[in-house]
């Protein structure tokens, strides 16, 4: 069993994976592993975010995020409470969603949450 686990880790690393890490944001910092694996996280434009009572409303048009492709017929609208927003290390907005459009992580610039 240990040999199988070691072999699986070698294959994972050979394929470019890194245990315990997400992928790198364009600003050079690492998205946390629990937020994403490969393309779940991406920067989003400030125009897609609206602040309201208790949190943020994020509207992603088809094609504006790697996980919300142009083939989608409708925009994705997420209501994100303040306590779900994490501080953004590079001062940009970032959204991590799964392929169903469910929220994984949301990063807000300092002073915006």
C-alpha atoms as a PDB file:
ATOM      1  CA  UNK A   1       0.000   0.000   0.000  1.00  0.00           C
ATOM      2  CA  UNK A   2       2.832   2.360   0.843  1.00  0.00           C
ATOM      3  CA  UNK A   3       4.451   1.635  -2.505  1.00  0.00           C
ATOM      4  CA  UNK A   4       1.220   2.527  -4.315  1.00  0.00           C
ATOM      5  CA  UNK A   5       0.931   5.821  -2.409  1.00  0.00           C
ATOM      6  CA  UNK A   6       4.560   6.675  -3.196  1.00  0.00           C
ATOM      7  CA  UNK A   7       4.051   5.840  -6.867  1.00  0.00           C
ATOM      8  CA  UNK A   8       0.906   8.009  -6.990  1.00  0.00           C
ATOM      9  CA  UNK A   9       2.828  10.946  -5.469  1.00  0.00           C
ATOM     10  CA  UNK A  10       5.627  10.533  -8.040  1.00  0.00           C
ATOM     11  CA  UNK A  11       3.064  10.613 -10.848  1.00  0.00           C
ATOM     12  CA  UNK A  12       1.374  13.661  -9.333  1.00  0.00           C
ATOM     13  CA  UNK A  13       4.652  15.562  -9.041  1.00  0.00           C
ATOM     14  CA  UNK A  14       5.783  14.491 -12.518  1.00  0.00           C
ATOM     15  CA  UNK A  15       2.553  15.921 -13.910  1.00  0.00           C
ATOM     16  CA  UNK A  16       3.425  19.288 -12.370  1.00  0.00           C
ATOM     17  CA  UNK A  17       1.394  18.983  -9.192  1.00  0.00           C
ATOM     18  CA  UNK A  18       2.499  20.296  -5.859  1.00  0.00           C
ATOM     19  CA  UNK A  19       1.114  18.753  -2.707  1.00  0.00           C
ATOM     20  CA  UNK A  20      -0.591  21.216  -0.383  1.00  0.00           C
ATOM     21  CA  UNK A  21      -0.589  24.131  -2.822  1.00  0.00           C
ATOM     22  CA  UNK A  22      -3.103  25.681  -5.176  1.00  0.00           C
ATOM     23  CA  UNK A  23      -1.961  27.333  -8.345  1.00  0.00           C
ATOM     24  CA  UNK A  24      -0.248  30.681  -8.627  1.00  0.00           C
ATOM     25  CA  UNK A  25      -2.190  33.922  -9.034  1.00  0.00           C
ATOM     26  CA  UNK A  26      -1.025  36.301 -11.785  1.00  0.00           C
ATOM     27  CA  UNK A  27       0.415  38.553  -9.046  1.00  0.00           C
ATOM     28  CA  UNK A  28       2.809  35.774  -7.981  1.00  0.00           C
ATOM     29  CA  UNK A  29       1.153  34.607  -4.761  1.00  0.00           C
ATOM     30  CA  UNK A  30      -0.334  31.139  -4.244  1.00  0.00           C
ATOM     31  CA  UNK A  31      -4.068  30.609  -4.037  1.00  0.00           C
ATOM     32  CA  UNK A  32      -4.672  28.376  -0.989  1.00  0.00           C
ATOM     33  CA  UNK A  33      -5.011  24.695  -1.818  1.00  0.00           C
ATOM     34  CA  UNK A  34      -8.479  24.495  -0.257  1.00  0.00           C
ATOM     35  CA  UNK A  35      -9.675  27.182  -2.706  1.00  0.00           C
ATOM     36  CA  UNK A  36      -8.567  25.604  -5.936  1.00  0.00           C
ATOM     37  CA  UNK A  37      -6.580  22.963  -7.710  1.00  0.00           C
ATOM     38  CA  UNK A  38      -5.967  24.214 -11.232  1.00  0.00           C
ATOM     39  CA  UNK A  39      -8.293  26.730 -12.879  1.00  0.00           C
ATOM     40  CA  UNK A  40     -10.878  27.267 -10.145  1.00  0.00           C
ATOM     41  CA  UNK A  41      -9.396  30.652  -9.146  1.00  0.00           C
ATOM     42  CA  UNK A  42      -8.918  33.724 -11.303  1.00  0.00           C
ATOM     43  CA  UNK A  43      -8.764  37.497 -10.965  1.00  0.00           C
ATOM     44  CA  UNK A  44     -12.022  39.272 -11.759  1.00  0.00           C
ATOM     45  CA  UNK A  45     -12.664  42.861 -12.786  1.00  0.00           C
ATOM     46  CA  UNK A  46     -13.814  45.387 -10.181  1.00  0.00           C
ATOM     47  CA  UNK A  47     -16.896  46.077 -12.321  1.00  0.00           C
ATOM     48  CA  UNK A  48     -18.170  42.557 -11.576  1.00  0.00           C
ATOM     49  CA  UNK A  49     -18.318  43.275  -7.832  1.00  0.00           C
ATOM     50  CA  UNK A  50     -20.940  45.363  -6.070  1.00  0.00           C
ATOM     51  CA  UNK A  51     -20.843  46.000  -2.337  1.00  0.00           C
ATOM     52  CA  UNK A  52     -24.109  45.963  -0.439  1.00  0.00           C
ATOM     53  CA  UNK A  53     -25.539  45.383   3.006  1.00  0.00           C
ATOM     54  CA  UNK A  54     -23.634  42.553   4.601  1.00  0.00           C
ATOM     55  CA  UNK A  55     -21.377  41.627   1.711  1.00  0.00           C
ATOM     56  CA  UNK A  56     -20.712  41.561  -1.997  1.00  0.00           C
ATOM     57  CA  UNK A  57     -22.686  40.642  -5.098  1.00  0.00           C
ATOM     58  CA  UNK A  58     -20.468  39.222  -7.846  1.00  0.00           C
ATOM     59  CA  UNK A  59     -21.840  38.910 -11.377  1.00  0.00           C
ATOM     60  CA  UNK A  60     -19.760  36.870 -13.819  1.00  0.00           C
ATOM     61  CA  UNK A  61     -20.828  36.946 -17.459  1.00  0.00           C
ATOM     62  CA  UNK A  62     -20.214  33.836 -19.559  1.00  0.00           C
ATOM     63  CA  UNK A  63     -16.520  33.778 -20.493  1.00  0.00           C
ATOM     64  CA  UNK A  64     -15.346  36.113 -17.697  1.00  0.00           C
ATOM     65  CA  UNK A  65     -13.926  33.286 -15.561  1.00  0.00           C
ATOM     66  CA  UNK A  66     -12.197  30.001 -16.535  1.00  0.00           C
ATOM     67  CA  UNK A  67     -14.880  27.999 -14.709  1.00  0.00           C
ATOM     68  CA  UNK A  68     -17.794  29.985 -16.231  1.00  0.00           C
ATOM     69  CA  UNK A  69     -17.252  29.476 -19.958  1.00  0.00           C
ATOM     70  CA  UNK A  70     -18.778  31.289 -22.922  1.00  0.00           C
ATOM     71  CA  UNK A  71     -21.069  28.288 -23.457  1.00  0.00           C
ATOM     72  CA  UNK A  72     -23.063  29.230 -20.353  1.00  0.00           C
ATOM     73  CA  UNK A  73     -26.342  30.913 -21.226  1.00  0.00           C
ATOM     74  CA  UNK A  74     -26.663  33.174 -18.209  1.00  0.00           C
ATOM     75  CA  UNK A  75     -24.411  35.139 -15.897  1.00  0.00           C
ATOM     76  CA  UNK A  76     -23.401  33.670 -12.566  1.00  0.00           C
ATOM     77  CA  UNK A  77     -24.557  35.789  -9.623  1.00  0.00           C
ATOM     78  CA  UNK A  78     -23.086  35.100  -6.198  1.00  0.00           C
ATOM     79  CA  UNK A  79     -24.030  36.723  -2.900  1.00  0.00           C
ATOM     80  CA  UNK A  80     -20.903  36.650  -0.718  1.00  0.00           C
ATOM     81  CA  UNK A  81     -21.117  37.744   2.930  1.00  0.00           C
ATOM     82  CA  UNK A  82     -18.292  39.829   4.375  1.00  0.00           C
ATOM     83  CA  UNK A  83     -17.143  36.957   6.590  1.00  0.00           C
ATOM     84  CA  UNK A  84     -16.459  34.813   3.494  1.00  0.00           C
ATOM     85  CA  UNK A  85     -14.146  37.422   1.909  1.00  0.00           C
ATOM     86  CA  UNK A  86     -10.419  36.923   2.355  1.00  0.00           C
ATOM     87  CA  UNK A  87      -7.885  39.762   2.022  1.00  0.00           C
ATOM     88  CA  UNK A  88      -6.308  39.879  -1.422  1.00  0.00           C
ATOM     89  CA  UNK A  89      -2.487  39.831  -1.297  1.00  0.00           C
ATOM     90  CA  UNK A  90      -2.153  41.776  -4.555  1.00  0.00           C
ATOM     91  CA  UNK A  91      -4.975  44.300  -4.113  1.00  0.00           C
ATOM     92  CA  UNK A  92      -7.113  42.751  -6.865  1.00  0.00           C
ATOM     93  CA  UNK A  93     -10.411  40.892  -6.754  1.00  0.00           C
ATOM     94  CA  UNK A  94     -10.169  37.102  -7.160  1.00  0.00           C
ATOM     95  CA  UNK A  95     -12.903  34.487  -7.364  1.00  0.00           C
ATOM     96  CA  UNK A  96     -12.607  30.729  -6.913  1.00  0.00           C
ATOM     97  CA  UNK A  97     -15.599  28.662  -8.048  1.00  0.00           C
ATOM     98  CA  UNK A  98     -16.186  25.071  -9.023  1.00  0.00           C
ATOM     99  CA  UNK A  99     -17.599  23.976 -12.384  1.00  0.00           C
ATOM    100  CA  UNK A 100     -21.163  24.306 -11.036  1.00  0.00           C
ATOM    101  CA  UNK A 101     -20.520  27.934 -10.064  1.00  0.00           C
ATOM    102  CA  UNK A 102     -20.427  27.264  -6.327  1.00  0.00           C
ATOM    103  CA  UNK A 103     -18.181  29.550  -4.287  1.00  0.00           C
ATOM    104  CA  UNK A 104     -14.873  28.130  -3.064  1.00  0.00           C
ATOM    105  CA  UNK A 105     -13.044  31.363  -2.079  1.00  0.00           C
ATOM    106  CA  UNK A 106     -13.329  35.096  -2.684  1.00  0.00           C
ATOM    107  CA  UNK A 107     -10.503  37.613  -2.261  1.00  0.00           C
ATOM    108  CA  UNK A 108     -11.210  41.321  -1.794  1.00  0.00           C
ATOM    109  CA  UNK A 109      -8.704  44.187  -1.908  1.00  0.00           C
ATOM    110  CA  UNK A 110      -7.850  45.668   1.500  1.00  0.00           C
ATOM    111  CA  UNK A 111     -10.362  48.274   2.629  1.00  0.00           C
ATOM    112  CA  UNK A 112     -13.190  46.680   0.626  1.00  0.00           C
ATOM    113  CA  UNK A 113     -14.397  44.219   3.239  1.00  0.00           C
END
